[in-house]
C-alpha atoms as a PDB file:
ATOM      1  CA  MET A   1      20.395 -10.580   8.909  1.00  0.00           C
ATOM      2  CA  ALA A   2      21.846 -12.231   5.816  1.00  0.00           C
ATOM      3  CA  ARG A   3      22.485  -9.844   2.928  1.00  0.00           C
ATOM      4  CA  PHE A   4      21.079 -10.240  -0.591  1.00  0.00           C
ATOM      5  CA  ASP A   5      22.923  -9.126  -3.710  1.00  0.00           C
ATOM      6  CA  GLN A   6      20.528  -6.229  -4.338  1.00  0.00           C
ATOM      7  CA  ILE A   7      17.386  -5.029  -2.548  1.00  0.00           C
ATOM      8  CA  VAL A   8      15.268  -2.574  -4.495  1.00  0.00           C
ATOM      9  CA  ALA A   9      12.278  -0.683  -3.075  1.00  0.00           C
ATOM     10  CA  LEU A  10       9.403  -0.115  -5.496  1.00  0.00           C
ATOM     11  CA  LEU A  11       7.284   2.662  -3.991  1.00  0.00           C
ATOM     12  CA  LEU A  12       3.764   2.757  -5.419  1.00  0.00           C
ATOM     13  CA  ALA A  13       2.479   6.322  -5.707  1.00  0.00           C
ATOM     14  CA  GLY A  14       0.065   6.173  -8.632  1.00  0.00           C
ATOM     15  CA  GLY A  15      -3.259   6.630  -6.823  1.00  0.00           C
ATOM     16  CA  HIS A  16      -5.548   9.596  -7.473  1.00  0.00           C
ATOM     17  CA  GLY A  17      -7.067  10.171  -4.017  1.00  0.00           C
ATOM     18  CA  CYS A  18     -10.674  10.385  -5.206  1.00  0.00           C
ATOM     19  CA  ARG A  19     -12.175   9.367  -1.863  1.00  0.00           C
ATOM     20  CA  ILE A  20     -10.791  12.398  -0.035  1.00  0.00           C
ATOM     21  CA  HIS A  21     -11.967  14.914  -2.659  1.00  0.00           C
ATOM     22  CA  SER A  22      -8.582  16.589  -2.984  1.00  0.00           C
ATOM     23  CA  ASP A  23      -6.990  18.236  -6.008  1.00  0.00           C
ATOM     24  CA  ARG A  24      -3.819  16.236  -5.407  1.00  0.00           C
ATOM     25  CA  PRO A  25      -3.261  12.545  -4.689  1.00  0.00           C
ATOM     26  CA  LYS A  26      -3.065  11.492  -1.041  1.00  0.00           C
ATOM     27  CA  GLN A  27       0.584  10.512  -1.262  1.00  0.00           C
ATOM     28  CA  PHE A  28       1.561  14.053  -2.277  1.00  0.00           C
ATOM     29  CA  MET A  29      -0.533  15.951   0.268  1.00  0.00           C
ATOM     30  CA  GLU A  30       1.342  17.550   3.161  1.00  0.00           C
ATOM     31  CA  VAL A  31       1.002  16.420   6.759  1.00  0.00           C
ATOM     32  CA  ALA A  32       2.940  18.369   9.382  1.00  0.00           C
ATOM     33  CA  GLY A  33       4.506  20.347   6.540  1.00  0.00           C
ATOM     34  CA  ILE A  34       5.929  17.314   4.723  1.00  0.00           C
ATOM     35  CA  PRO A  35       4.529  15.410   1.719  1.00  0.00           C
ATOM     36  CA  VAL A  36       3.180  12.021   2.767  1.00  0.00           C
ATOM     37  CA  ILE A  37       5.494  10.189   0.375  1.00  0.00           C
ATOM     38  CA  ALA A  38       8.537  11.754   2.049  1.00  0.00           C
ATOM     39  CA  TYR A  39       7.954   9.840   5.281  1.00  0.00           C
ATOM     40  CA  THR A  40       8.328   6.487   3.549  1.00  0.00           C
ATOM     41  CA  MET A  41      11.166   7.685   1.332  1.00  0.00           C
ATOM     42  CA  ARG A  42      13.123   8.682   4.428  1.00  0.00           C
ATOM     43  CA  THR A  43      12.559   5.311   6.065  1.00  0.00           C
ATOM     44  CA  LEU A  44      13.779   3.513   2.948  1.00  0.00           C
ATOM     45  CA  GLN A  45      16.743   5.896   2.704  1.00  0.00           C
ATOM     46  CA  GLU A  46      17.785   5.161   6.278  1.00  0.00           C
ATOM     47  CA  HIS A  47      17.443   1.389   6.052  1.00  0.00           C
ATOM     48  CA  PRO A  48      20.929  -0.097   5.529  1.00  0.00           C
ATOM     49  CA  ASP A  49      19.710  -3.042   3.432  1.00  0.00           C
ATOM     50  CA  VAL A  50      17.782  -1.026   0.840  1.00  0.00           C
ATOM     51  CA  ASP A  51      20.079  -0.210  -2.073  1.00  0.00           C
ATOM     52  CA  ALA A  52      17.807   1.743  -4.393  1.00  0.00           C
ATOM     53  CA  VAL A  53      14.349   3.314  -4.507  1.00  0.00           C
ATOM     54  CA  TYR A  54      12.125   3.616  -7.573  1.00  0.00           C
ATOM     55  CA  VAL A  55       8.758   5.371  -7.525  1.00  0.00           C
ATOM     56  CA  VAL A  56       5.748   4.526  -9.687  1.00  0.00           C
ATOM     57  CA  CYS A  57       3.726   7.689 -10.272  1.00  0.00           C
ATOM     58  CA  ALA A  58       1.813   9.672 -12.879  1.00  0.00           C
ATOM     59  CA  ALA A  59       4.027  11.590 -15.288  1.00  0.00           C
ATOM     60  CA  GLU A  60       2.880  14.980 -14.008  1.00  0.00           C
ATOM     61  CA  TRP A  61       4.191  14.154 -10.517  1.00  0.00           C
ATOM     62  CA  GLU A  62       7.658  12.936 -11.491  1.00  0.00           C
ATOM     63  CA  ASP A  63       9.334  16.310 -10.905  1.00  0.00           C
ATOM     64  CA  PHE A  64       7.530  16.620  -7.567  1.00  0.00           C
ATOM     65  CA  VAL A  65       8.876  13.209  -6.498  1.00  0.00           C
ATOM     66  CA  ARG A  66      12.425  14.122  -7.460  1.00  0.00           C
ATOM     67  CA  GLU A  67      12.248  17.469  -5.665  1.00  0.00           C
ATOM     68  CA  THR A  68      10.742  15.847  -2.562  1.00  0.00           C
ATOM     69  CA  ALA A  69      13.583  13.332  -2.527  1.00  0.00           C
ATOM     70  CA  ARG A  70      16.147  16.114  -2.871  1.00  0.00           C
ATOM     71  CA  VAL A  71      14.682  18.147  -0.007  1.00  0.00           C
ATOM     72  CA  ALA A  72      14.386  15.035   2.182  1.00  0.00           C
ATOM     73  CA  GLY A  73      17.978  14.010   1.479  1.00  0.00           C
ATOM     74  CA  VAL A  74      16.952  10.784  -0.272  1.00  0.00           C
ATOM     75  CA  ASP A  75      19.845   9.993  -2.596  1.00  0.00           C
ATOM     76  CA  LYS A  76      18.772   6.362  -3.057  1.00  0.00           C
ATOM     77  CA  LEU A  77      16.065   7.471  -5.498  1.00  0.00           C
ATOM     78  CA  ARG A  78      17.172   6.098  -8.858  1.00  0.00           C
ATOM     79  CA  GLY A  79      14.181   6.913 -11.033  1.00  0.00           C
ATOM     80  CA  THR A  80      10.462   6.772 -11.672  1.00  0.00           C
ATOM     81  CA  PHE A  81       8.157   4.561 -13.718  1.00  0.00           C
ATOM     82  CA  PRO A  82       4.747   5.517 -15.143  1.00  0.00           C
ATOM     83  CA  ALA A  83       1.653   4.669 -13.146  1.00  0.00           C
ATOM     84  CA  GLY A  84      -1.070   2.491 -14.654  1.00  0.00           C
ATOM     85  CA  GLY A  85      -4.825   2.756 -14.597  1.00  0.00           C
ATOM     86  CA  THR A  86      -5.057   0.428 -11.596  1.00  0.00           C
ATOM     87  CA  SER A  87      -2.834  -0.402  -8.649  1.00  0.00           C
ATOM     88  CA  LEU A  88      -1.889  -3.730 -10.174  1.00  0.00           C
ATOM     89  CA  GLN A  89      -1.101  -2.132 -13.538  1.00  0.00           C
ATOM     90  CA  SER A  90       1.214   0.250 -11.697  1.00  0.00           C
ATOM     91  CA  VAL A  91       2.986  -2.722 -10.126  1.00  0.00           C
ATOM     92  CA  LYS A  92       3.315  -4.303 -13.572  1.00  0.00           C
ATOM     93  CA  ASN A  93       4.775  -1.092 -15.005  1.00  0.00           C
ATOM     94  CA  GLY A  94       7.224  -0.987 -12.127  1.00  0.00           C
ATOM     95  CA  VAL A  95       8.253  -4.601 -12.661  1.00  0.00           C
ATOM     96  CA  GLU A  96       8.769  -3.996 -16.380  1.00  0.00           C
ATOM     97  CA  GLY A  97      10.768  -0.876 -15.582  1.00  0.00           C
ATOM     98  CA  LEU A  98      12.984  -2.763 -13.146  1.00  0.00           C
ATOM     99  CA  ARG A  99      13.506  -5.516 -15.706  1.00  0.00           C
ATOM    100  CA  GLY A 100      14.775  -2.865 -18.089  1.00  0.00           C
ATOM    101  CA  VAL A 101      17.162  -1.528 -15.446  1.00  0.00           C
ATOM    102  CA  TYR A 102      18.452  -4.836 -14.081  1.00  0.00           C
ATOM    103  CA  GLY A 103      18.353  -6.955 -17.228  1.00  0.00           C
ATOM    104  CA  GLY A 104      19.279 -10.543 -16.429  1.00  0.00           C
ATOM    105  CA  ARG A 105      19.915  -9.861 -12.757  1.00  0.00           C
ATOM    106  CA  ASN A 106      17.388 -10.931 -10.150  1.00  0.00           C
ATOM    107  CA  PRO A 107      17.150  -8.378  -7.338  1.00  0.00           C
ATOM    108  CA  VAL A 108      14.816  -8.583  -4.372  1.00  0.00           C
ATOM    109  CA  VAL A 109      11.888  -6.201  -4.919  1.00  0.00           C
ATOM    110  CA  LEU A 110      10.270  -4.757  -1.813  1.00  0.00           C
ATOM    111  CA  THR A 111       7.001  -3.112  -2.861  1.00  0.00           C
ATOM    112  CA  HIS A 112       5.313  -0.578  -0.615  1.00  0.00           C
ATOM    113  CA  GLU A 113       2.335   1.757  -0.914  1.00  0.00           C
ATOM    114  CA  ALA A 114       3.278   5.418  -0.462  1.00  0.00           C
ATOM    115  CA  VAL A 115      -0.028   5.982   1.354  1.00  0.00           C
ATOM    116  CA  ARG A 116       1.278   3.922   4.289  1.00  0.00           C
ATOM    117  CA  PRO A 117       3.644   6.594   5.653  1.00  0.00           C
ATOM    118  CA  LEU A 118       4.357   5.075   9.079  1.00  0.00           C
ATOM    119  CA  LEU A 119       6.468   2.238   7.710  1.00  0.00           C
ATOM    120  CA  SER A 120       9.276   1.558  10.170  1.00  0.00           C
ATOM    121  CA  ARG A 121      12.710   0.005  10.004  1.00  0.00           C
ATOM    122  CA  GLU A 122      11.451  -2.805  12.234  1.00  0.00           C
ATOM    123  CA  MET A 123       8.695  -3.689   9.759  1.00  0.00           C
ATOM    124  CA  ILE A 124      11.210  -3.793   6.908  1.00  0.00           C
ATOM    125  CA  ASP A 125      13.502  -5.986   9.033  1.00  0.00           C
ATOM    126  CA  CYS A 126      10.671  -8.434   9.771  1.00  0.00           C
ATOM    127  CA  ASN A 127       9.671  -8.527   6.123  1.00  0.00           C
ATOM    128  CA  LEU A 128      13.193  -9.212   4.900  1.00  0.00           C
ATOM    129  CA  ARG A 129      13.771 -11.904   7.541  1.00  0.00           C
ATOM    130  CA  THR A 130      10.637 -13.674   6.325  1.00  0.00           C
ATOM    131  CA  PHE A 131      11.748 -13.275   2.734  1.00  0.00           C
ATOM    132  CA  HIS A 132      15.175 -14.676   3.547  1.00  0.00           C
ATOM    133  CA  ALA A 133      13.586 -17.725   5.163  1.00  0.00           C
ATOM    134  CA  TYR A 134      10.924 -18.491   2.532  1.00  0.00           C
ATOM    135  CA  GLY A 135      11.556 -16.572  -0.699  1.00  0.00           C
ATOM    136  CA  ASN A 136       8.571 -14.232  -0.388  1.00  0.00           C
ATOM    137  CA  ALA A 137       7.026 -12.046   2.315  1.00  0.00           C
ATOM    138  CA  ILE A 138       3.629 -10.416   2.832  1.00  0.00           C
ATOM    139  CA  THR A 139       3.407  -7.986   5.730  1.00  0.00           C
ATOM    140  CA  ALA A 140       0.139  -8.591   7.584  1.00  0.00           C
ATOM    141  CA  VAL A 141      -1.588  -8.132  10.919  1.00  0.00           C
ATOM    142  CA  ARG A 142      -3.878 -10.610  12.652  1.00  0.00           C
ATOM    143  CA  SER A 143      -7.475  -9.492  12.884  1.00  0.00           C
ATOM    144  CA  ASN A 144      -8.815  -8.832  16.369  1.00  0.00           C
ATOM    145  CA  GLU A 145     -12.468  -8.172  15.590  1.00  0.00           C
ATOM    146  CA  ALA A 146     -15.445 -10.369  14.761  1.00  0.00           C
ATOM    147  CA  TYR A 147     -16.255 -10.687  11.050  1.00  0.00           C
ATOM    148  CA  MET A 148     -19.820 -10.889   9.768  1.00  0.00           C
ATOM    149  CA  VAL A 149     -20.667 -12.307   6.341  1.00  0.00           C
ATOM    150  CA  SER A 150     -23.565 -10.525   4.655  1.00  0.00           C
ATOM    151  CA  GLU A 151     -25.036 -10.817   1.183  1.00  0.00           C
ATOM    152  CA  ASP A 152     -27.356  -7.813   1.416  1.00  0.00           C
ATOM    153  CA  GLY A 153     -25.494  -5.464   3.743  1.00  0.00           C
ATOM    154  CA  THR A 154     -28.310  -5.456   6.286  1.00  0.00           C
ATOM    155  CA  SER A 155     -28.171  -8.870   7.956  1.00  0.00           C
ATOM    156  CA  SER A 156     -25.777 -11.742   8.599  1.00  0.00           C
ATOM    157  CA  ARG A 157     -26.248 -15.471   9.100  1.00  0.00           C
ATOM    158  CA  GLU A 158     -22.593 -16.438   9.058  1.00  0.00           C
ATOM    159  CA  CYS A 159     -19.310 -15.422  10.628  1.00  0.00           C
ATOM    160  CA  ILE A 160     -15.667 -16.153   9.851  1.00  0.00           C
ATOM    161  CA  PRO A 161     -13.421 -17.133  12.781  1.00  0.00           C
ATOM    162  CA  ARG A 162     -11.048 -14.225  13.301  1.00  0.00           C
ATOM    163  CA  GLU A 163      -8.200 -16.590  14.226  1.00  0.00           C
ATOM    164  CA  ARG A 164      -7.922 -17.477  10.525  1.00  0.00           C
ATOM    165  CA  LEU A 165      -7.891 -13.908   9.251  1.00  0.00           C
ATOM    166  CA  TYR A 166      -5.014 -11.554   8.581  1.00  0.00           C
ATOM    167  CA  ARG A 167      -5.102  -8.130   6.931  1.00  0.00           C
ATOM    168  CA  ALA A 168      -2.469  -7.856   4.236  1.00  0.00           C
ATOM    169  CA  GLN A 169      -0.403  -4.674   4.284  1.00  0.00           C
ATOM    170  CA  THR A 170       2.780  -3.673   2.522  1.00  0.00           C
ATOM    171  CA  PRO A 171       5.740  -4.183   2.164  1.00  0.00           C
ATOM    172  CA  GLN A 172       5.298  -7.261   0.002  1.00  0.00           C
ATOM    173  CA  THR A 173       8.543  -8.725  -1.243  1.00  0.00           C
ATOM    174  CA  PHE A 174       9.428 -11.066  -4.102  1.00  0.00           C
ATOM    175  CA  TYR A 175      12.311 -11.752  -6.430  1.00  0.00           C
ATOM    176  CA  LEU A 176      12.066  -9.785  -9.660  1.00  0.00           C
ATOM    177  CA  ASP A 177      12.088 -13.033 -11.647  1.00  0.00           C
ATOM    178  CA  ASP A 178       9.064 -14.308  -9.702  1.00  0.00           C
ATOM    179  CA  LEU A 179       7.121 -11.102 -10.343  1.00  0.00           C
ATOM    180  CA  THR A 180       8.019 -11.232 -14.028  1.00  0.00           C
ATOM    181  CA  GLU A 181       6.889 -14.851 -14.232  1.00  0.00           C
ATOM    182  CA  ALA A 182       3.608 -13.999 -12.485  1.00  0.00           C
ATOM    183  CA  PHE A 183       2.673 -11.277 -14.954  1.00  0.00           C
ATOM    184  CA  ARG A 184       3.557 -13.511 -17.895  1.00  0.00           C
ATOM    185  CA  GLU A 185       1.405 -16.295 -16.466  1.00  0.00           C
ATOM    186  CA  ALA A 186      -1.453 -13.845 -15.873  1.00  0.00           C
ATOM    187  CA  THR A 187      -1.307 -12.810 -19.518  1.00  0.00           C
ATOM    188  CA  ARG A 188      -1.387 -16.453 -20.581  1.00  0.00           C
ATOM    189  CA  LYS A 189      -4.439 -17.077 -18.363  1.00  0.00           C
ATOM    190  CA  GLY A 190      -6.217 -13.904 -19.481  1.00  0.00           C
ATOM    191  CA  MET A 191      -6.131 -12.347 -16.000  1.00  0.00           C
ATOM    192  CA  CYS A 192      -6.174  -8.568 -16.231  1.00  0.00           C
ATOM    193  CA  ASP A 193      -6.642  -7.221 -12.692  1.00  0.00           C
ATOM    194  CA  SER A 194      -6.711  -8.040  -8.995  1.00  0.00           C
ATOM    195  CA  GLN A 195      -7.261  -6.184  -5.742  1.00  0.00           C
ATOM    196  CA  SER A 196      -3.614  -6.111  -4.734  1.00  0.00           C
ATOM    197  CA  LEU A 197      -0.256  -7.704  -5.429  1.00  0.00           C
ATOM    198  CA  TYR A 198      -1.002 -10.239  -2.688  1.00  0.00           C
ATOM    199  CA  THR A 199      -4.328 -11.310  -4.198  1.00  0.00           C
ATOM    200  CA  PHE A 200      -2.755 -11.298  -7.649  1.00  0.00           C
ATOM    201  CA  MET A 201       0.018 -13.696  -6.649  1.00  0.00           C
ATOM    202  CA  SER A 202      -2.559 -15.896  -4.902  1.00  0.00           C
ATOM    203  CA  ASP A 203      -4.753 -15.959  -8.016  1.00  0.00           C
ATOM    204  CA  VAL A 204      -1.940 -16.616 -10.470  1.00  0.00           C
ATOM    205  CA  PHE A 205      -0.322 -19.339  -8.380  1.00  0.00           C
ATOM    206  CA  PRO A 206      -3.168 -20.918  -6.361  1.00  0.00           C
ATOM    207  CA  GLY A 207      -1.854 -23.167  -3.648  1.00  0.00           C
ATOM    208  CA  ARG A 208       1.580 -21.556  -3.527  1.00  0.00           C
ATOM    209  CA  ALA A 209       2.400 -20.492   0.033  1.00  0.00           C
ATOM    210  CA  LEU A 210       2.797 -16.774   0.639  1.00  0.00           C
ATOM    211  CA  HIS A 211       4.516 -16.153   3.936  1.00  0.00           C
ATOM    212  CA  ILE A 212       3.390 -13.721   6.623  1.00  0.00           C
ATOM    213  CA  ALA A 213       5.704 -11.082   8.066  1.00  0.00           C
ATOM    214  CA  PRO A 214       4.442  -9.318  11.214  1.00  0.00           C
ATOM    215  CA  GLY A 215       2.970  -5.917  10.448  1.00  0.00           C
ATOM    216  CA  SER A 216       1.633  -3.155  12.674  1.00  0.00           C
ATOM    217  CA  GLU A 217      -1.630  -1.344  13.269  1.00  0.00           C
ATOM    218  CA  LEU A 218       0.387   1.861  12.791  1.00  0.00           C
ATOM    219  CA  ASN A 219       1.095   0.794   9.228  1.00  0.00           C
ATOM    220  CA  PHE A 220      -2.374   1.915   8.161  1.00  0.00           C
ATOM    221  CA  LYS A 221      -3.361   3.100   4.711  1.00  0.00           C
ATOM    222  CA  LEU A 222      -4.518   6.668   4.178  1.00  0.00           C
ATOM    223  CA  THR A 223      -7.957   6.151   2.669  1.00  0.00           C
ATOM    224  CA  VAL A 224     -10.471   8.639   4.115  1.00  0.00           C
ATOM    225  CA  PRO A 225     -10.049  12.154   5.573  1.00  0.00           C
ATOM    226  CA  GLU A 226     -10.129  10.830   9.146  1.00  0.00           C
ATOM    227  CA  ASP A 227      -6.950   8.871   8.449  1.00  0.00           C
ATOM    228  CA  PHE A 228      -5.082  12.144   7.955  1.00  0.00           C
ATOM    229  CA  ASP A 229      -6.276  13.342  11.360  1.00  0.00           C
ATOM    230  CA  THR A 230      -4.951  10.110  12.882  1.00  0.00           C
ATOM    231  CA  LEU A 231      -1.601  10.467  11.132  1.00  0.00           C
ATOM    232  CA  GLU A 232      -1.204  14.073  12.235  1.00  0.00           C
ATOM    233  CA  ALA A 233      -2.060  13.147  15.828  1.00  0.00           C
ATOM    234  CA  ILE A 234       0.525  10.350  15.865  1.00  0.00           C
ATOM    235  CA  LEU A 235       3.220  12.579  14.397  1.00  0.00           C
ATOM    236  CA  SER A 236       2.409  15.317  16.907  1.00  0.00           C
ATOM    237  CA  TYR A 237       2.580  12.825  19.791  1.00  0.00           C
ATOM    238  CA  ARG A 238       5.947  11.536  18.591  1.00  0.00           C
ATOM    239  CA  HIS A 239       7.274  15.095  18.307  1.00  0.00           C
ATOM    240  CA  ILE A 240       6.209  15.874  21.871  1.00  0.00           C
ATOM    241  CA  ARG A 241       7.815  12.680  23.182  1.00  0.00           C
ATOM    242  CA  ARG A 242      11.106  13.512  21.450  1.00  0.00           C
ATOM    243  CA  ARG A 243      11.130  16.974  23.007  1.00  0.00           C
ATOM    244  CA  GLU A 244      10.539  15.508  26.468  1.00  0.00           C
ATOM    245  CA  ARG A 245      13.534  13.190  26.285  1.00  0.00           C
END
């Protein structure tokens, strides 16, 4: 794979975990004795093309992030940036923080949600290959279920062909200059929020192609308590397989 001048991982860890009714955010809860965020930090640490890792998190968790990185042997962690009130605001804070660090340079920024702990080297490779070919990359998986359209939540008179649908995941990768331009354009247009970085870039630059990098069903987002059961089961299965080899 061709090498870029600088590849920076921006790890988004600003969520509050309200839907699981926990006293700590999902990304800092422990699964199999390890904080969720550590799984992704290790993957980024071990990837040869990732030069630096920055974490976006609430101020009260900064020391926790640094200590987790130390225990996990993650020496690529270069710093933290403050989380915002929304996911997109956290991305914006991270972009502004990186602009302060890199000044006039234009590194590749690979953004990833810390609540997707099963990120693999292969997924990063696919994402960066797509980025190298097209200048941006959105990790996504093709939908394999039927989709019903409903206005009232009780009935449907319309469906969307699943062949046209992909579920956007992370990593999502752009040049820092492109992210900076997008947030400036959003300010000019009076746009203040969006569901994700993918939808934001689509809204700010309608018609601009965003290119799909193959994702994985294992790259799921920890959202509800059952997701933690799934993660623990997968990790346990992997541990058993390693012992059998």
